[in-house]
Amino acid sequence: MTFIDWSDPEEMLGLLIEYVADERAETRHDRERTSFLSEVLAELTDLTDNARAMPPDEVIMRLRVLHGSQSIAFSADPVLAHVDHCIEELERIRNSSRH
């Protein structure tokens, strides 16, 4: 499992997209996972394209919806673990900026 450096909030979604794209490229022989990763990648790309105009809470909510809408068959997939980490880091940044 590759680890993403979540320390730069401006880059988080871009790094997550890169990770998902890399995973998809490496998973060409597993049609179900390739399809799953393509869907996640499309949703992340749409979110990233619009994230600058959204409040942090909306970005977090959309990531939660993305995570929660995935098939139970992929609930333990490393990509969703990274989505979770991204949510946690965005929440930490949001909460620390409020103080």
C-alpha atoms as a PDB file:
ATOM      1  CA  MET A   1       0.000   0.000   0.000  1.00  0.00           C
ATOM      2  CA  THR A   2       1.411   3.359  -1.033  1.00  0.00           C
ATOM      3  CA  PHE A   3       1.150   6.197   1.467  1.00  0.00           C
ATOM      4  CA  ILE A   4       0.117   9.720   0.555  1.00  0.00           C
ATOM      5  CA  ASP A   5       1.579  12.761   2.289  1.00  0.00           C
ATOM      6  CA  TRP A   6      -1.523  14.619   3.461  1.00  0.00           C
ATOM      7  CA  SER A   7       0.398  17.616   4.832  1.00  0.00           C
ATOM      8  CA  ASP A   8      -0.480  19.955   1.937  1.00  0.00           C
ATOM      9  CA  PRO A   9      -4.249  20.517   1.786  1.00  0.00           C
ATOM     10  CA  GLU A  10      -3.983  22.203  -1.631  1.00  0.00           C
ATOM     11  CA  GLU A  11      -2.513  19.038  -3.108  1.00  0.00           C
ATOM     12  CA  MET A  12      -4.540  16.365  -1.309  1.00  0.00           C
ATOM     13  CA  LEU A  13      -7.203  15.758  -3.903  1.00  0.00           C
ATOM     14  CA  GLY A  14      -4.665  15.881  -6.726  1.00  0.00           C
ATOM     15  CA  LEU A  15      -2.489  13.310  -4.960  1.00  0.00           C
ATOM     16  CA  LEU A  16      -5.518  11.138  -4.336  1.00  0.00           C
ATOM     17  CA  ILE A  17      -6.446  11.304  -8.026  1.00  0.00           C
ATOM     18  CA  GLU A  18      -2.891  10.331  -9.001  1.00  0.00           C
ATOM     19  CA  TYR A  19      -2.990   7.397  -6.606  1.00  0.00           C
ATOM     20  CA  VAL A  20      -6.345   6.137  -7.938  1.00  0.00           C
ATOM     21  CA  ALA A  21      -5.163   6.540 -11.550  1.00  0.00           C
ATOM     22  CA  ASP A  22      -1.988   4.570 -10.762  1.00  0.00           C
ATOM     23  CA  GLU A  23      -3.997   1.836  -9.067  1.00  0.00           C
ATOM     24  CA  ARG A  24      -6.324   1.640 -12.067  1.00  0.00           C
ATOM     25  CA  ALA A  25      -3.376   1.357 -14.458  1.00  0.00           C
ATOM     26  CA  GLU A  26      -1.965  -1.520 -12.407  1.00  0.00           C
ATOM     27  CA  THR A  27      -5.315  -3.333 -12.204  1.00  0.00           C
ATOM     28  CA  ARG A  28      -6.022  -3.845 -15.891  1.00  0.00           C
ATOM     29  CA  HIS A  29      -6.623  -7.584 -15.496  1.00  0.00           C
ATOM     30  CA  ASP A  30      -9.342  -7.218 -12.833  1.00  0.00           C
ATOM     31  CA  ARG A  31     -12.387  -5.827 -14.641  1.00  0.00           C
ATOM     32  CA  GLU A  32     -14.459  -5.287 -11.502  1.00  0.00           C
ATOM     33  CA  ARG A  33     -11.739  -3.330  -9.700  1.00  0.00           C
ATOM     34  CA  THR A  34     -10.901  -1.383 -12.855  1.00  0.00           C
ATOM     35  CA  SER A  35     -14.563  -0.377 -13.137  1.00  0.00           C
ATOM     36  CA  PHE A  36     -14.679   0.544  -9.438  1.00  0.00           C
ATOM     37  CA  LEU A  37     -11.511   2.635  -9.752  1.00  0.00           C
ATOM     38  CA  SER A  38     -12.786   4.347 -12.911  1.00  0.00           C
ATOM     39  CA  GLU A  39     -15.944   5.403 -11.080  1.00  0.00           C
ATOM     40  CA  VAL A  40     -13.991   6.674  -8.071  1.00  0.00           C
ATOM     41  CA  LEU A  41     -11.580   8.504 -10.360  1.00  0.00           C
ATOM     42  CA  ALA A  42     -14.428  10.202 -12.257  1.00  0.00           C
ATOM     43  CA  GLU A  43     -16.067  11.342  -9.017  1.00  0.00           C
ATOM     44  CA  LEU A  44     -12.772  12.610  -7.581  1.00  0.00           C
ATOM     45  CA  THR A  45     -11.964  14.467 -10.788  1.00  0.00           C
ATOM     46  CA  ASP A  46     -15.370  16.165 -10.739  1.00  0.00           C
ATOM     47  CA  LEU A  47     -14.921  17.053  -7.076  1.00  0.00           C
ATOM     48  CA  THR A  48     -11.423  18.427  -7.671  1.00  0.00           C
ATOM     49  CA  ASP A  49     -12.591  20.522 -10.615  1.00  0.00           C
ATOM     50  CA  ASN A  50     -15.129  22.216  -8.340  1.00  0.00           C
ATOM     51  CA  ALA A  51     -13.405  22.089  -4.929  1.00  0.00           C
ATOM     52  CA  ARG A  52     -11.951  25.605  -4.950  1.00  0.00           C
ATOM     53  CA  ALA A  53     -15.456  27.062  -5.111  1.00  0.00           C
ATOM     54  CA  MET A  54     -16.756  24.855  -2.279  1.00  0.00           C
ATOM     55  CA  PRO A  55     -16.544  25.325   1.456  1.00  0.00           C
ATOM     56  CA  PRO A  56     -14.410  22.682   3.212  1.00  0.00           C
ATOM     57  CA  ASP A  57     -17.493  21.057   4.755  1.00  0.00           C
ATOM     58  CA  GLU A  58     -18.963  20.406   1.305  1.00  0.00           C
ATOM     59  CA  VAL A  59     -15.736  18.831   0.042  1.00  0.00           C
ATOM     60  CA  ILE A  60     -15.680  16.575   3.120  1.00  0.00           C
ATOM     61  CA  MET A  61     -19.352  15.680   2.660  1.00  0.00           C
ATOM     62  CA  ARG A  62     -18.842  14.796  -1.002  1.00  0.00           C
ATOM     63  CA  LEU A  63     -15.873  12.582  -0.124  1.00  0.00           C
ATOM     64  CA  ARG A  64     -18.039  10.825   2.480  1.00  0.00           C
ATOM     65  CA  VAL A  65     -20.777  10.292  -0.091  1.00  0.00           C
ATOM     66  CA  LEU A  66     -18.223   8.935  -2.569  1.00  0.00           C
ATOM     67  CA  HIS A  67     -16.869   6.563   0.081  1.00  0.00           C
ATOM     68  CA  GLY A  68     -20.290   5.457   1.303  1.00  0.00           C
ATOM     69  CA  SER A  69     -21.680   4.805  -2.161  1.00  0.00           C
ATOM     70  CA  GLN A  70     -19.131   2.120  -3.058  1.00  0.00           C
ATOM     71  CA  SER A  71     -19.922  -1.565  -3.245  1.00  0.00           C
ATOM     72  CA  ILE A  72     -19.357  -3.617  -0.112  1.00  0.00           C
ATOM     73  CA  ALA A  73     -17.064  -5.777  -2.239  1.00  0.00           C
ATOM     74  CA  PHE A  74     -14.543  -2.910  -2.218  1.00  0.00           C
ATOM     75  CA  SER A  75     -15.012  -1.747   1.366  1.00  0.00           C
ATOM     76  CA  ALA A  76     -11.484  -2.892   2.293  1.00  0.00           C
ATOM     77  CA  ASP A  77      -9.857  -1.519  -0.855  1.00  0.00           C
ATOM     78  CA  PRO A  78      -6.751   0.623  -0.229  1.00  0.00           C
ATOM     79  CA  VAL A  79      -8.212   3.401  -2.372  1.00  0.00           C
ATOM     80  CA  LEU A  80     -11.109   3.817   0.046  1.00  0.00           C
ATOM     81  CA  ALA A  81      -8.649   3.787   2.944  1.00  0.00           C
ATOM     82  CA  HIS A  82      -6.923   6.759   1.300  1.00  0.00           C
ATOM     83  CA  VAL A  83     -10.273   8.497   0.827  1.00  0.00           C
ATOM     84  CA  ASP A  84     -10.838   8.012   4.579  1.00  0.00           C
ATOM     85  CA  HIS A  85      -7.412   9.472   5.355  1.00  0.00           C
ATOM     86  CA  CYS A  86      -8.135  12.441   3.133  1.00  0.00           C
ATOM     87  CA  ILE A  87     -11.431  13.070   4.953  1.00  0.00           C
ATOM     88  CA  GLU A  88      -9.704  12.830   8.337  1.00  0.00           C
ATOM     89  CA  GLU A  89      -6.976  15.254   7.310  1.00  0.00           C
ATOM     90  CA  LEU A  90      -9.447  17.743   5.818  1.00  0.00           C
ATOM     91  CA  GLU A  91     -11.446  17.602   9.060  1.00  0.00           C
ATOM     92  CA  ARG A  92      -8.277  18.126  11.114  1.00  0.00           C
ATOM     93  CA  ILE A  93      -7.287  21.118   8.987  1.00  0.00           C
ATOM     94  CA  ARG A  94     -10.802  22.550   9.111  1.00  0.00           C
ATOM     95  CA  ASN A  95     -10.972  22.152  12.898  1.00  0.00           C
ATOM     96  CA  SER A  96      -7.522  23.628  13.508  1.00  0.00           C
ATOM     97  CA  SER A  97      -8.318  26.656  11.326  1.00  0.00           C
ATOM     98  CA  ARG A  98     -11.434  27.365  13.406  1.00  0.00           C
ATOM     99  CA  HIS A  99      -9.376  27.844  16.566  1.00  0.00           C
END
